[in-house]
Each structure stands twice: as structure tokens, then as C-alpha cells.
Amino acid sequence: GAIVADVGEPMDKFVYVLEGEVELV
């Protein structure tokens, strides 16, 4: 349930998923 990146935030990091899942909301 934690927000990894919110709308309007700059893409200033490359995020690679090791475990789990990130969903688009």
C-alpha cells in the first residue's frame, strides 16, 4: 500500500524490483 512514486514527481531514480510488485493506480 505504500506509494513508490506519485503523480507529478520527477523520474529522478531508476527503480528495479527485486521482490514483490509495484502496481499502477
PDBML (XML) file of the C-alpha atoms, coordinates in Angstrom:
<?xml version="1.0" encoding="UTF-8" ?>
<PDBx:datablock datablockName="MODEL"
   xmlns:PDBx="http://pdbml.pdb.org/schema/pdbx-v50.xsd"
   xmlns:xsi="http://www.w3.org/2001/XMLSchema-instance"
   xsi:schemaLocation="http://pdbml.pdb.org/schema/pdbx-v50.xsd pdbx-v50.xsd">
   <PDBx:atom_siteCategory>
      <PDBx:atom_site id="1">
         <PDBx:B_iso_or_equiv>0.00</PDBx:B_iso_or_equiv>
         <PDBx:Cartn_x>0.000</PDBx:Cartn_x>
         <PDBx:Cartn_y>0.000</PDBx:Cartn_y>
         <PDBx:Cartn_z>0.000</PDBx:Cartn_z>
         <PDBx:auth_asym_id>A</PDBx:auth_asym_id>
         <PDBx:auth_atom_id>CA</PDBx:auth_atom_id>
         <PDBx:auth_comp_id>GLY</PDBx:auth_comp_id>
         <PDBx:auth_seq_id>1</PDBx:auth_seq_id>
         <PDBx:group_PDB>ATOM</PDBx:group_PDB>
         <PDBx:label_alt_id xsi:nil="true" />
         <PDBx:label_asym_id>A</PDBx:label_asym_id>
         <PDBx:label_atom_id>CA</PDBx:label_atom_id>
         <PDBx:label_comp_id>GLY</PDBx:label_comp_id>
         <PDBx:label_entity_id>1</PDBx:label_entity_id>
         <PDBx:label_seq_id>1</PDBx:label_seq_id>
         <PDBx:occupancy>1.00</PDBx:occupancy>
         <PDBx:pdbx_PDB_model_num>1</PDBx:pdbx_PDB_model_num>
         <PDBx:type_symbol>C</PDBx:type_symbol>
      </PDBx:atom_site>
      <PDBx:atom_site id="2">
         <PDBx:B_iso_or_equiv>0.00</PDBx:B_iso_or_equiv>
         <PDBx:Cartn_x>2.991</PDBx:Cartn_x>
         <PDBx:Cartn_y>2.361</PDBx:Cartn_y>
         <PDBx:Cartn_z>0.162</PDBx:Cartn_z>
         <PDBx:auth_asym_id>A</PDBx:auth_asym_id>
         <PDBx:auth_atom_id>CA</PDBx:auth_atom_id>
         <PDBx:auth_comp_id>ALA</PDBx:auth_comp_id>
         <PDBx:auth_seq_id>2</PDBx:auth_seq_id>
         <PDBx:group_PDB>ATOM</PDBx:group_PDB>
         <PDBx:label_alt_id xsi:nil="true" />
         <PDBx:label_asym_id>A</PDBx:label_asym_id>
         <PDBx:label_atom_id>CA</PDBx:label_atom_id>
         <PDBx:label_comp_id>ALA</PDBx:label_comp_id>
         <PDBx:label_entity_id>1</PDBx:label_entity_id>
         <PDBx:label_seq_id>2</PDBx:label_seq_id>
         <PDBx:occupancy>1.00</PDBx:occupancy>
         <PDBx:pdbx_PDB_model_num>1</PDBx:pdbx_PDB_model_num>
         <PDBx:type_symbol>C</PDBx:type_symbol>
      </PDBx:atom_site>
      <PDBx:atom_site id="3">
         <PDBx:B_iso_or_equiv>0.00</PDBx:B_iso_or_equiv>
         <PDBx:Cartn_x>3.359</PDBx:Cartn_x>
         <PDBx:Cartn_y>4.881</PDBx:Cartn_y>
         <PDBx:Cartn_z>-2.683</PDBx:Cartn_z>
         <PDBx:auth_asym_id>A</PDBx:auth_asym_id>
         <PDBx:auth_atom_id>CA</PDBx:auth_atom_id>
         <PDBx:auth_comp_id>ILE</PDBx:auth_comp_id>
         <PDBx:auth_seq_id>3</PDBx:auth_seq_id>
         <PDBx:group_PDB>ATOM</PDBx:group_PDB>
         <PDBx:label_alt_id xsi:nil="true" />
         <PDBx:label_asym_id>A</PDBx:label_asym_id>
         <PDBx:label_atom_id>CA</PDBx:label_atom_id>
         <PDBx:label_comp_id>ILE</PDBx:label_comp_id>
         <PDBx:label_entity_id>1</PDBx:label_entity_id>
         <PDBx:label_seq_id>3</PDBx:label_seq_id>
         <PDBx:occupancy>1.00</PDBx:occupancy>
         <PDBx:pdbx_PDB_model_num>1</PDBx:pdbx_PDB_model_num>
         <PDBx:type_symbol>C</PDBx:type_symbol>
      </PDBx:atom_site>
      <PDBx:atom_site id="4">
         <PDBx:B_iso_or_equiv>0.00</PDBx:B_iso_or_equiv>
         <PDBx:Cartn_x>6.619</PDBx:Cartn_x>
         <PDBx:Cartn_y>4.295</PDBx:Cartn_y>
         <PDBx:Cartn_z>-4.526</PDBx:Cartn_z>
         <PDBx:auth_asym_id>A</PDBx:auth_asym_id>
         <PDBx:auth_atom_id>CA</PDBx:auth_atom_id>
         <PDBx:auth_comp_id>VAL</PDBx:auth_comp_id>
         <PDBx:auth_seq_id>4</PDBx:auth_seq_id>
         <PDBx:group_PDB>ATOM</PDBx:group_PDB>
         <PDBx:label_alt_id xsi:nil="true" />
         <PDBx:label_asym_id>A</PDBx:label_asym_id>
         <PDBx:label_atom_id>CA</PDBx:label_atom_id>
         <PDBx:label_comp_id>VAL</PDBx:label_comp_id>
         <PDBx:label_entity_id>1</PDBx:label_entity_id>
         <PDBx:label_seq_id>4</PDBx:label_seq_id>
         <PDBx:occupancy>1.00</PDBx:occupancy>
         <PDBx:pdbx_PDB_model_num>1</PDBx:pdbx_PDB_model_num>
         <PDBx:type_symbol>C</PDBx:type_symbol>
      </PDBx:atom_site>
      <PDBx:atom_site id="5">
         <PDBx:B_iso_or_equiv>0.00</PDBx:B_iso_or_equiv>
         <PDBx:Cartn_x>6.159</PDBx:Cartn_x>
         <PDBx:Cartn_y>7.309</PDBx:Cartn_y>
         <PDBx:Cartn_z>-6.825</PDBx:Cartn_z>
         <PDBx:auth_asym_id>A</PDBx:auth_asym_id>
         <PDBx:auth_atom_id>CA</PDBx:auth_atom_id>
         <PDBx:auth_comp_id>ALA</PDBx:auth_comp_id>
         <PDBx:auth_seq_id>5</PDBx:auth_seq_id>
         <PDBx:group_PDB>ATOM</PDBx:group_PDB>
         <PDBx:label_alt_id xsi:nil="true" />
         <PDBx:label_asym_id>A</PDBx:label_asym_id>
         <PDBx:label_atom_id>CA</PDBx:label_atom_id>
         <PDBx:label_comp_id>ALA</PDBx:label_comp_id>
         <PDBx:label_entity_id>1</PDBx:label_entity_id>
         <PDBx:label_seq_id>5</PDBx:label_seq_id>
         <PDBx:occupancy>1.00</PDBx:occupancy>
         <PDBx:pdbx_PDB_model_num>1</PDBx:pdbx_PDB_model_num>
         <PDBx:type_symbol>C</PDBx:type_symbol>
      </PDBx:atom_site>
      <PDBx:atom_site id="6">
         <PDBx:B_iso_or_equiv>0.00</PDBx:B_iso_or_equiv>
         <PDBx:Cartn_x>3.279</PDBx:Cartn_x>
         <PDBx:Cartn_y>9.774</PDBx:Cartn_y>
         <PDBx:Cartn_z>-7.048</PDBx:Cartn_z>
         <PDBx:auth_asym_id>A</PDBx:auth_asym_id>
         <PDBx:auth_atom_id>CA</PDBx:auth_atom_id>
         <PDBx:auth_comp_id>ASP</PDBx:auth_comp_id>
         <PDBx:auth_seq_id>6</PDBx:auth_seq_id>
         <PDBx:group_PDB>ATOM</PDBx:group_PDB>
         <PDBx:label_alt_id xsi:nil="true" />
         <PDBx:label_asym_id>A</PDBx:label_asym_id>
         <PDBx:label_atom_id>CA</PDBx:label_atom_id>
         <PDBx:label_comp_id>ASP</PDBx:label_comp_id>
         <PDBx:label_entity_id>1</PDBx:label_entity_id>
         <PDBx:label_seq_id>6</PDBx:label_seq_id>
         <PDBx:occupancy>1.00</PDBx:occupancy>
         <PDBx:pdbx_PDB_model_num>1</PDBx:pdbx_PDB_model_num>
         <PDBx:type_symbol>C</PDBx:type_symbol>
      </PDBx:atom_site>
      <PDBx:atom_site id="7">
         <PDBx:B_iso_or_equiv>0.00</PDBx:B_iso_or_equiv>
         <PDBx:Cartn_x>1.814</PDBx:Cartn_x>
         <PDBx:Cartn_y>11.724</PDBx:Cartn_y>
         <PDBx:Cartn_z>-9.950</PDBx:Cartn_z>
         <PDBx:auth_asym_id>A</PDBx:auth_asym_id>
         <PDBx:auth_atom_id>CA</PDBx:auth_atom_id>
         <PDBx:auth_comp_id>VAL</PDBx:auth_comp_id>
         <PDBx:auth_seq_id>7</PDBx:auth_seq_id>
         <PDBx:group_PDB>ATOM</PDBx:group_PDB>
         <PDBx:label_alt_id xsi:nil="true" />
         <PDBx:label_asym_id>A</PDBx:label_asym_id>
         <PDBx:label_atom_id>CA</PDBx:label_atom_id>
         <PDBx:label_comp_id>VAL</PDBx:label_comp_id>
         <PDBx:label_entity_id>1</PDBx:label_entity_id>
         <PDBx:label_seq_id>7</PDBx:label_seq_id>
         <PDBx:occupancy>1.00</PDBx:occupancy>
         <PDBx:pdbx_PDB_model_num>1</PDBx:pdbx_PDB_model_num>
         <PDBx:type_symbol>C</PDBx:type_symbol>
      </PDBx:atom_site>
      <PDBx:atom_site id="8">
         <PDBx:B_iso_or_equiv>0.00</PDBx:B_iso_or_equiv>
         <PDBx:Cartn_x>3.919</PDBx:Cartn_x>
         <PDBx:Cartn_y>14.764</PDBx:Cartn_y>
         <PDBx:Cartn_z>-10.795</PDBx:Cartn_z>
         <PDBx:auth_asym_id>A</PDBx:auth_asym_id>
         <PDBx:auth_atom_id>CA</PDBx:auth_atom_id>
         <PDBx:auth_comp_id>GLY</PDBx:auth_comp_id>
         <PDBx:auth_seq_id>8</PDBx:auth_seq_id>
         <PDBx:group_PDB>ATOM</PDBx:group_PDB>
         <PDBx:label_alt_id xsi:nil="true" />
         <PDBx:label_asym_id>A</PDBx:label_asym_id>
         <PDBx:label_atom_id>CA</PDBx:label_atom_id>
         <PDBx:label_comp_id>GLY</PDBx:label_comp_id>
         <PDBx:label_entity_id>1</PDBx:label_entity_id>
         <PDBx:label_seq_id>8</PDBx:label_seq_id>
         <PDBx:occupancy>1.00</PDBx:occupancy>
         <PDBx:pdbx_PDB_model_num>1</PDBx:pdbx_PDB_model_num>
         <PDBx:type_symbol>C</PDBx:type_symbol>
      </PDBx:atom_site>
      <PDBx:atom_site id="9">
         <PDBx:B_iso_or_equiv>0.00</PDBx:B_iso_or_equiv>
         <PDBx:Cartn_x>7.069</PDBx:Cartn_x>
         <PDBx:Cartn_y>13.524</PDBx:Cartn_y>
         <PDBx:Cartn_z>-9.073</PDBx:Cartn_z>
         <PDBx:auth_asym_id>A</PDBx:auth_asym_id>
         <PDBx:auth_atom_id>CA</PDBx:auth_atom_id>
         <PDBx:auth_comp_id>GLU</PDBx:auth_comp_id>
         <PDBx:auth_seq_id>9</PDBx:auth_seq_id>
         <PDBx:group_PDB>ATOM</PDBx:group_PDB>
         <PDBx:label_alt_id xsi:nil="true" />
         <PDBx:label_asym_id>A</PDBx:label_asym_id>
         <PDBx:label_atom_id>CA</PDBx:label_atom_id>
         <PDBx:label_comp_id>GLU</PDBx:label_comp_id>
         <PDBx:label_entity_id>1</PDBx:label_entity_id>
         <PDBx:label_seq_id>9</PDBx:label_seq_id>
         <PDBx:occupancy>1.00</PDBx:occupancy>
         <PDBx:pdbx_PDB_model_num>1</PDBx:pdbx_PDB_model_num>
         <PDBx:type_symbol>C</PDBx:type_symbol>
      </PDBx:atom_site>
      <PDBx:atom_site id="10">
         <PDBx:B_iso_or_equiv>0.00</PDBx:B_iso_or_equiv>
         <PDBx:Cartn_x>10.143</PDBx:Cartn_x>
         <PDBx:Cartn_y>13.657</PDBx:Cartn_y>
         <PDBx:Cartn_z>-11.314</PDBx:Cartn_z>
         <PDBx:auth_asym_id>A</PDBx:auth_asym_id>
         <PDBx:auth_atom_id>CA</PDBx:auth_atom_id>
         <PDBx:auth_comp_id>PRO</PDBx:auth_comp_id>
         <PDBx:auth_seq_id>10</PDBx:auth_seq_id>
         <PDBx:group_PDB>ATOM</PDBx:group_PDB>
         <PDBx:label_alt_id xsi:nil="true" />
         <PDBx:label_asym_id>A</PDBx:label_asym_id>
         <PDBx:label_atom_id>CA</PDBx:label_atom_id>
         <PDBx:label_comp_id>PRO</PDBx:label_comp_id>
         <PDBx:label_entity_id>1</PDBx:label_entity_id>
         <PDBx:label_seq_id>10</PDBx:label_seq_id>
         <PDBx:occupancy>1.00</PDBx:occupancy>
         <PDBx:pdbx_PDB_model_num>1</PDBx:pdbx_PDB_model_num>
         <PDBx:type_symbol>C</PDBx:type_symbol>
      </PDBx:atom_site>
      <PDBx:atom_site id="11">
         <PDBx:B_iso_or_equiv>0.00</PDBx:B_iso_or_equiv>
         <PDBx:Cartn_x>11.632</PDBx:Cartn_x>
         <PDBx:Cartn_y>10.405</PDBx:Cartn_y>
         <PDBx:Cartn_z>-12.530</PDBx:Cartn_z>
         <PDBx:auth_asym_id>A</PDBx:auth_asym_id>
         <PDBx:auth_atom_id>CA</PDBx:auth_atom_id>
         <PDBx:auth_comp_id>MET</PDBx:auth_comp_id>
         <PDBx:auth_seq_id>11</PDBx:auth_seq_id>
         <PDBx:group_PDB>ATOM</PDBx:group_PDB>
         <PDBx:label_alt_id xsi:nil="true" />
         <PDBx:label_asym_id>A</PDBx:label_asym_id>
         <PDBx:label_atom_id>CA</PDBx:label_atom_id>
         <PDBx:label_comp_id>MET</PDBx:label_comp_id>
         <PDBx:label_entity_id>1</PDBx:label_entity_id>
         <PDBx:label_seq_id>11</PDBx:label_seq_id>
         <PDBx:occupancy>1.00</PDBx:occupancy>
         <PDBx:pdbx_PDB_model_num>1</PDBx:pdbx_PDB_model_num>
         <PDBx:type_symbol>C</PDBx:type_symbol>
      </PDBx:atom_site>
      <PDBx:atom_site id="12">
         <PDBx:B_iso_or_equiv>0.00</PDBx:B_iso_or_equiv>
         <PDBx:Cartn_x>14.913</PDBx:Cartn_x>
         <PDBx:Cartn_y>11.075</PDBx:Cartn_y>
         <PDBx:Cartn_z>-10.777</PDBx:Cartn_z>
         <PDBx:auth_asym_id>A</PDBx:auth_asym_id>
         <PDBx:auth_atom_id>CA</PDBx:auth_atom_id>
         <PDBx:auth_comp_id>ASP</PDBx:auth_comp_id>
         <PDBx:auth_seq_id>12</PDBx:auth_seq_id>
         <PDBx:group_PDB>ATOM</PDBx:group_PDB>
         <PDBx:label_alt_id xsi:nil="true" />
         <PDBx:label_asym_id>A</PDBx:label_asym_id>
         <PDBx:label_atom_id>CA</PDBx:label_atom_id>
         <PDBx:label_comp_id>ASP</PDBx:label_comp_id>
         <PDBx:label_entity_id>1</PDBx:label_entity_id>
         <PDBx:label_seq_id>12</PDBx:label_seq_id>
         <PDBx:occupancy>1.00</PDBx:occupancy>
         <PDBx:pdbx_PDB_model_num>1</PDBx:pdbx_PDB_model_num>
         <PDBx:type_symbol>C</PDBx:type_symbol>
      </PDBx:atom_site>
      <PDBx:atom_site id="13">
         <PDBx:B_iso_or_equiv>0.00</PDBx:B_iso_or_equiv>
         <PDBx:Cartn_x>15.592</PDBx:Cartn_x>
         <PDBx:Cartn_y>7.435</PDBx:Cartn_y>
         <PDBx:Cartn_z>-9.831</PDBx:Cartn_z>
         <PDBx:auth_asym_id>A</PDBx:auth_asym_id>
         <PDBx:auth_atom_id>CA</PDBx:auth_atom_id>
         <PDBx:auth_comp_id>LYS</PDBx:auth_comp_id>
         <PDBx:auth_seq_id>13</PDBx:auth_seq_id>
         <PDBx:group_PDB>ATOM</PDBx:group_PDB>
         <PDBx:label_alt_id xsi:nil="true" />
         <PDBx:label_asym_id>A</PDBx:label_asym_id>
         <PDBx:label_atom_id>CA</PDBx:label_atom_id>
         <PDBx:label_comp_id>LYS</PDBx:label_comp_id>
         <PDBx:label_entity_id>1</PDBx:label_entity_id>
         <PDBx:label_seq_id>13</PDBx:label_seq_id>
         <PDBx:occupancy>1.00</PDBx:occupancy>
         <PDBx:pdbx_PDB_model_num>1</PDBx:pdbx_PDB_model_num>
         <PDBx:type_symbol>C</PDBx:type_symbol>
      </PDBx:atom_site>
      <PDBx:atom_site id="14">
         <PDBx:B_iso_or_equiv>0.00</PDBx:B_iso_or_equiv>
         <PDBx:Cartn_x>15.842</PDBx:Cartn_x>
         <PDBx:Cartn_y>4.173</PDBx:Cartn_y>
         <PDBx:Cartn_z>-11.739</PDBx:Cartn_z>
         <PDBx:auth_asym_id>A</PDBx:auth_asym_id>
         <PDBx:auth_atom_id>CA</PDBx:auth_atom_id>
         <PDBx:auth_comp_id>PHE</PDBx:auth_comp_id>
         <PDBx:auth_seq_id>14</PDBx:auth_seq_id>
         <PDBx:group_PDB>ATOM</PDBx:group_PDB>
         <PDBx:label_alt_id xsi:nil="true" />
         <PDBx:label_asym_id>A</PDBx:label_asym_id>
         <PDBx:label_atom_id>CA</PDBx:label_atom_id>
         <PDBx:label_comp_id>PHE</PDBx:label_comp_id>
         <PDBx:label_entity_id>1</PDBx:label_entity_id>
         <PDBx:label_seq_id>14</PDBx:label_seq_id>
         <PDBx:occupancy>1.00</PDBx:occupancy>
         <PDBx:pdbx_PDB_model_num>1</PDBx:pdbx_PDB_model_num>
         <PDBx:type_symbol>C</PDBx:type_symbol>
      </PDBx:atom_site>
      <PDBx:atom_site id="15">
         <PDBx:B_iso_or_equiv>0.00</PDBx:B_iso_or_equiv>
         <PDBx:Cartn_x>13.752</PDBx:Cartn_x>
         <PDBx:Cartn_y>1.693</PDBx:Cartn_y>
         <PDBx:Cartn_z>-9.731</PDBx:Cartn_z>
         <PDBx:auth_asym_id>A</PDBx:auth_asym_id>
         <PDBx:auth_atom_id>CA</PDBx:auth_atom_id>
         <PDBx:auth_comp_id>VAL</PDBx:auth_comp_id>
         <PDBx:auth_seq_id>15</PDBx:auth_seq_id>
         <PDBx:group_PDB>ATOM</PDBx:group_PDB>
         <PDBx:label_alt_id xsi:nil="true" />
         <PDBx:label_asym_id>A</PDBx:label_asym_id>
         <PDBx:label_atom_id>CA</PDBx:label_atom_id>
         <PDBx:label_comp_id>VAL</PDBx:label_comp_id>
         <PDBx:label_entity_id>1</PDBx:label_entity_id>
         <PDBx:label_seq_id>15</PDBx:label_seq_id>
         <PDBx:occupancy>1.00</PDBx:occupancy>
         <PDBx:pdbx_PDB_model_num>1</PDBx:pdbx_PDB_model_num>
         <PDBx:type_symbol>C</PDBx:type_symbol>
      </PDBx:atom_site>
      <PDBx:atom_site id="16">
         <PDBx:B_iso_or_equiv>0.00</PDBx:B_iso_or_equiv>
         <PDBx:Cartn_x>14.383</PDBx:Cartn_x>
         <PDBx:Cartn_y>-2.044</PDBx:Cartn_y>
         <PDBx:Cartn_z>-10.203</PDBx:Cartn_z>
         <PDBx:auth_asym_id>A</PDBx:auth_asym_id>
         <PDBx:auth_atom_id>CA</PDBx:auth_atom_id>
         <PDBx:auth_comp_id>TYR</PDBx:auth_comp_id>
         <PDBx:auth_seq_id>16</PDBx:auth_seq_id>
         <PDBx:group_PDB>ATOM</PDBx:group_PDB>
         <PDBx:label_alt_id xsi:nil="true" />
         <PDBx:label_asym_id>A</PDBx:label_asym_id>
         <PDBx:label_atom_id>CA</PDBx:label_atom_id>
         <PDBx:label_comp_id>TYR</PDBx:label_comp_id>
         <PDBx:label_entity_id>1</PDBx:label_entity_id>
         <PDBx:label_seq_id>16</PDBx:label_seq_id>
         <PDBx:occupancy>1.00</PDBx:occupancy>
         <PDBx:pdbx_PDB_model_num>1</PDBx:pdbx_PDB_model_num>
         <PDBx:type_symbol>C</PDBx:type_symbol>
      </PDBx:atom_site>
      <PDBx:atom_site id="17">
         <PDBx:B_iso_or_equiv>0.00</PDBx:B_iso_or_equiv>
         <PDBx:Cartn_x>12.091</PDBx:Cartn_x>
         <PDBx:Cartn_y>-4.501</PDBx:Cartn_y>
         <PDBx:Cartn_z>-8.382</PDBx:Cartn_z>
         <PDBx:auth_asym_id>A</PDBx:auth_asym_id>
         <PDBx:auth_atom_id>CA</PDBx:auth_atom_id>
         <PDBx:auth_comp_id>VAL</PDBx:auth_comp_id>
         <PDBx:auth_seq_id>17</PDBx:auth_seq_id>
         <PDBx:group_PDB>ATOM</PDBx:group_PDB>
         <PDBx:label_alt_id xsi:nil="true" />
         <PDBx:label_asym_id>A</PDBx:label_asym_id>
         <PDBx:label_atom_id>CA</PDBx:label_atom_id>
         <PDBx:label_comp_id>VAL</PDBx:label_comp_id>
         <PDBx:label_entity_id>1</PDBx:label_entity_id>
         <PDBx:label_seq_id>17</PDBx:label_seq_id>
         <PDBx:occupancy>1.00</PDBx:occupancy>
         <PDBx:pdbx_PDB_model_num>1</PDBx:pdbx_PDB_model_num>
         <PDBx:type_symbol>C</PDBx:type_symbol>
      </PDBx:atom_site>
      <PDBx:atom_site id="18">
         <PDBx:B_iso_or_equiv>0.00</PDBx:B_iso_or_equiv>
         <PDBx:Cartn_x>13.937</PDBx:Cartn_x>
         <PDBx:Cartn_y>-7.273</PDBx:Cartn_y>
         <PDBx:Cartn_z>-6.535</PDBx:Cartn_z>
         <PDBx:auth_asym_id>A</PDBx:auth_asym_id>
         <PDBx:auth_atom_id>CA</PDBx:auth_atom_id>
         <PDBx:auth_comp_id>LEU</PDBx:auth_comp_id>
         <PDBx:auth_seq_id>18</PDBx:auth_seq_id>
         <PDBx:group_PDB>ATOM</PDBx:group_PDB>
         <PDBx:label_alt_id xsi:nil="true" />
         <PDBx:label_asym_id>A</PDBx:label_asym_id>
         <PDBx:label_atom_id>CA</PDBx:label_atom_id>
         <PDBx:label_comp_id>LEU</PDBx:label_comp_id>
         <PDBx:label_entity_id>1</PDBx:label_entity_id>
         <PDBx:label_seq_id>18</PDBx:label_seq_id>
         <PDBx:occupancy>1.00</PDBx:occupancy>
         <PDBx:pdbx_PDB_model_num>1</PDBx:pdbx_PDB_model_num>
         <PDBx:type_symbol>C</PDBx:type_symbol>
      </PDBx:atom_site>
      <PDBx:atom_site id="19">
         <PDBx:B_iso_or_equiv>0.00</PDBx:B_iso_or_equiv>
         <PDBx:Cartn_x>10.932</PDBx:Cartn_x>
         <PDBx:Cartn_y>-8.782</PDBx:Cartn_y>
         <PDBx:Cartn_z>-4.735</PDBx:Cartn_z>
         <PDBx:auth_asym_id>A</PDBx:auth_asym_id>
         <PDBx:auth_atom_id>CA</PDBx:auth_atom_id>
         <PDBx:auth_comp_id>GLU</PDBx:auth_comp_id>
         <PDBx:auth_seq_id>19</PDBx:auth_seq_id>
         <PDBx:group_PDB>ATOM</PDBx:group_PDB>
         <PDBx:label_alt_id xsi:nil="true" />
         <PDBx:label_asym_id>A</PDBx:label_asym_id>
         <PDBx:label_atom_id>CA</PDBx:label_atom_id>
         <PDBx:label_comp_id>GLU</PDBx:label_comp_id>
         <PDBx:label_entity_id>1</PDBx:label_entity_id>
         <PDBx:label_seq_id>19</PDBx:label_seq_id>
         <PDBx:occupancy>1.00</PDBx:occupancy>
         <PDBx:pdbx_PDB_model_num>1</PDBx:pdbx_PDB_model_num>
         <PDBx:type_symbol>C</PDBx:type_symbol>
      </PDBx:atom_site>
      <PDBx:atom_site id="20">
         <PDBx:B_iso_or_equiv>0.00</PDBx:B_iso_or_equiv>
         <PDBx:Cartn_x>7.226</PDBx:Cartn_x>
         <PDBx:Cartn_y>-8.029</PDBx:Cartn_y>
         <PDBx:Cartn_z>-4.633</PDBx:Cartn_z>
         <PDBx:auth_asym_id>A</PDBx:auth_asym_id>
         <PDBx:auth_atom_id>CA</PDBx:auth_atom_id>
         <PDBx:auth_comp_id>GLY</PDBx:auth_comp_id>
         <PDBx:auth_seq_id>20</PDBx:auth_seq_id>
         <PDBx:group_PDB>ATOM</PDBx:group_PDB>
         <PDBx:label_alt_id xsi:nil="true" />
         <PDBx:label_asym_id>A</PDBx:label_asym_id>
         <PDBx:label_atom_id>CA</PDBx:label_atom_id>
         <PDBx:label_comp_id>GLY</PDBx:label_comp_id>
         <PDBx:label_entity_id>1</PDBx:label_entity_id>
         <PDBx:label_seq_id>20</PDBx:label_seq_id>
         <PDBx:occupancy>1.00</PDBx:occupancy>
         <PDBx:pdbx_PDB_model_num>1</PDBx:pdbx_PDB_model_num>
         <PDBx:type_symbol>C</PDBx:type_symbol>
      </PDBx:atom_site>
      <PDBx:atom_site id="21">
         <PDBx:B_iso_or_equiv>0.00</PDBx:B_iso_or_equiv>
         <PDBx:Cartn_x>5.213</PDBx:Cartn_x>
         <PDBx:Cartn_y>-5.955</PDBx:Cartn_y>
         <PDBx:Cartn_z>-7.087</PDBx:Cartn_z>
         <PDBx:auth_asym_id>A</PDBx:auth_asym_id>
         <PDBx:auth_atom_id>CA</PDBx:auth_atom_id>
         <PDBx:auth_comp_id>GLU</PDBx:auth_comp_id>
         <PDBx:auth_seq_id>21</PDBx:auth_seq_id>
         <PDBx:group_PDB>ATOM</PDBx:group_PDB>
         <PDBx:label_alt_id xsi:nil="true" />
         <PDBx:label_asym_id>A</PDBx:label_asym_id>
         <PDBx:label_atom_id>CA</PDBx:label_atom_id>
         <PDBx:label_comp_id>GLU</PDBx:label_comp_id>
         <PDBx:label_entity_id>1</PDBx:label_entity_id>
         <PDBx:label_seq_id>21</PDBx:label_seq_id>
         <PDBx:occupancy>1.00</PDBx:occupancy>
         <PDBx:pdbx_PDB_model_num>1</PDBx:pdbx_PDB_model_num>
         <PDBx:type_symbol>C</PDBx:type_symbol>
      </PDBx:atom_site>
      <PDBx:atom_site id="22">
         <PDBx:B_iso_or_equiv>0.00</PDBx:B_iso_or_equiv>
         <PDBx:Cartn_x>4.513</PDBx:Cartn_x>
         <PDBx:Cartn_y>-2.319</PDBx:Cartn_y>
         <PDBx:Cartn_z>-7.971</PDBx:Cartn_z>
         <PDBx:auth_asym_id>A</PDBx:auth_asym_id>
         <PDBx:auth_atom_id>CA</PDBx:auth_atom_id>
         <PDBx:auth_comp_id>VAL</PDBx:auth_comp_id>
         <PDBx:auth_seq_id>22</PDBx:auth_seq_id>
         <PDBx:group_PDB>ATOM</PDBx:group_PDB>
         <PDBx:label_alt_id xsi:nil="true" />
         <PDBx:label_asym_id>A</PDBx:label_asym_id>
         <PDBx:label_atom_id>CA</PDBx:label_atom_id>
         <PDBx:label_comp_id>VAL</PDBx:label_comp_id>
         <PDBx:label_entity_id>1</PDBx:label_entity_id>
         <PDBx:label_seq_id>22</PDBx:label_seq_id>
         <PDBx:occupancy>1.00</PDBx:occupancy>
         <PDBx:pdbx_PDB_model_num>1</PDBx:pdbx_PDB_model_num>
         <PDBx:type_symbol>C</PDBx:type_symbol>
      </PDBx:atom_site>
      <PDBx:atom_site id="23">
         <PDBx:B_iso_or_equiv>0.00</PDBx:B_iso_or_equiv>
         <PDBx:Cartn_x>1.085</PDBx:Cartn_x>
         <PDBx:Cartn_y>-1.556</PDBx:Cartn_y>
         <PDBx:Cartn_z>-9.438</PDBx:Cartn_z>
         <PDBx:auth_asym_id>A</PDBx:auth_asym_id>
         <PDBx:auth_atom_id>CA</PDBx:auth_atom_id>
         <PDBx:auth_comp_id>GLU</PDBx:auth_comp_id>
         <PDBx:auth_seq_id>23</PDBx:auth_seq_id>
         <PDBx:group_PDB>ATOM</PDBx:group_PDB>
         <PDBx:label_alt_id xsi:nil="true" />
         <PDBx:label_asym_id>A</PDBx:label_asym_id>
         <PDBx:label_atom_id>CA</PDBx:label_atom_id>
         <PDBx:label_comp_id>GLU</PDBx:label_comp_id>
         <PDBx:label_entity_id>1</PDBx:label_entity_id>
         <PDBx:label_seq_id>23</PDBx:label_seq_id>
         <PDBx:occupancy>1.00</PDBx:occupancy>
         <PDBx:pdbx_PDB_model_num>1</PDBx:pdbx_PDB_model_num>
         <PDBx:type_symbol>C</PDBx:type_symbol>
      </PDBx:atom_site>
      <PDBx:atom_site id="24">
         <PDBx:B_iso_or_equiv>0.00</PDBx:B_iso_or_equiv>
         <PDBx:Cartn_x>-0.155</PDBx:Cartn_x>
         <PDBx:Cartn_y>1.389</PDBx:Cartn_y>
         <PDBx:Cartn_z>-11.482</PDBx:Cartn_z>
         <PDBx:auth_asym_id>A</PDBx:auth_asym_id>
         <PDBx:auth_atom_id>CA</PDBx:auth_atom_id>
         <PDBx:auth_comp_id>LEU</PDBx:auth_comp_id>
         <PDBx:auth_seq_id>24</PDBx:auth_seq_id>
         <PDBx:group_PDB>ATOM</PDBx:group_PDB>
         <PDBx:label_alt_id xsi:nil="true" />
         <PDBx:label_asym_id>A</PDBx:label_asym_id>
         <PDBx:label_atom_id>CA</PDBx:label_atom_id>
         <PDBx:label_comp_id>LEU</PDBx:label_comp_id>
         <PDBx:label_entity_id>1</PDBx:label_entity_id>
         <PDBx:label_seq_id>24</PDBx:label_seq_id>
         <PDBx:occupancy>1.00</PDBx:occupancy>
         <PDBx:pdbx_PDB_model_num>1</PDBx:pdbx_PDB_model_num>
         <PDBx:type_symbol>C</PDBx:type_symbol>
      </PDBx:atom_site>
      <PDBx:atom_site id="25">
         <PDBx:B_iso_or_equiv>0.00</PDBx:B_iso_or_equiv>
         <PDBx:Cartn_x>-3.023</PDBx:Cartn_x>
         <PDBx:Cartn_y>3.202</PDBx:Cartn_y>
         <PDBx:Cartn_z>-9.773</PDBx:Cartn_z>
         <PDBx:auth_asym_id>A</PDBx:auth_asym_id>
         <PDBx:auth_atom_id>CA</PDBx:auth_atom_id>
         <PDBx:auth_comp_id>VAL</PDBx:auth_comp_id>
         <PDBx:auth_seq_id>25</PDBx:auth_seq_id>
         <PDBx:group_PDB>ATOM</PDBx:group_PDB>
         <PDBx:label_alt_id xsi:nil="true" />
         <PDBx:label_asym_id>A</PDBx:label_asym_id>
         <PDBx:label_atom_id>CA</PDBx:label_atom_id>
         <PDBx:label_comp_id>VAL</PDBx:label_comp_id>
         <PDBx:label_entity_id>1</PDBx:label_entity_id>
         <PDBx:label_seq_id>25</PDBx:label_seq_id>
         <PDBx:occupancy>1.00</PDBx:occupancy>
         <PDBx:pdbx_PDB_model_num>1</PDBx:pdbx_PDB_model_num>
         <PDBx:type_symbol>C</PDBx:type_symbol>
      </PDBx:atom_site>
   </PDBx:atom_siteCategory>
</PDBx:datablock>
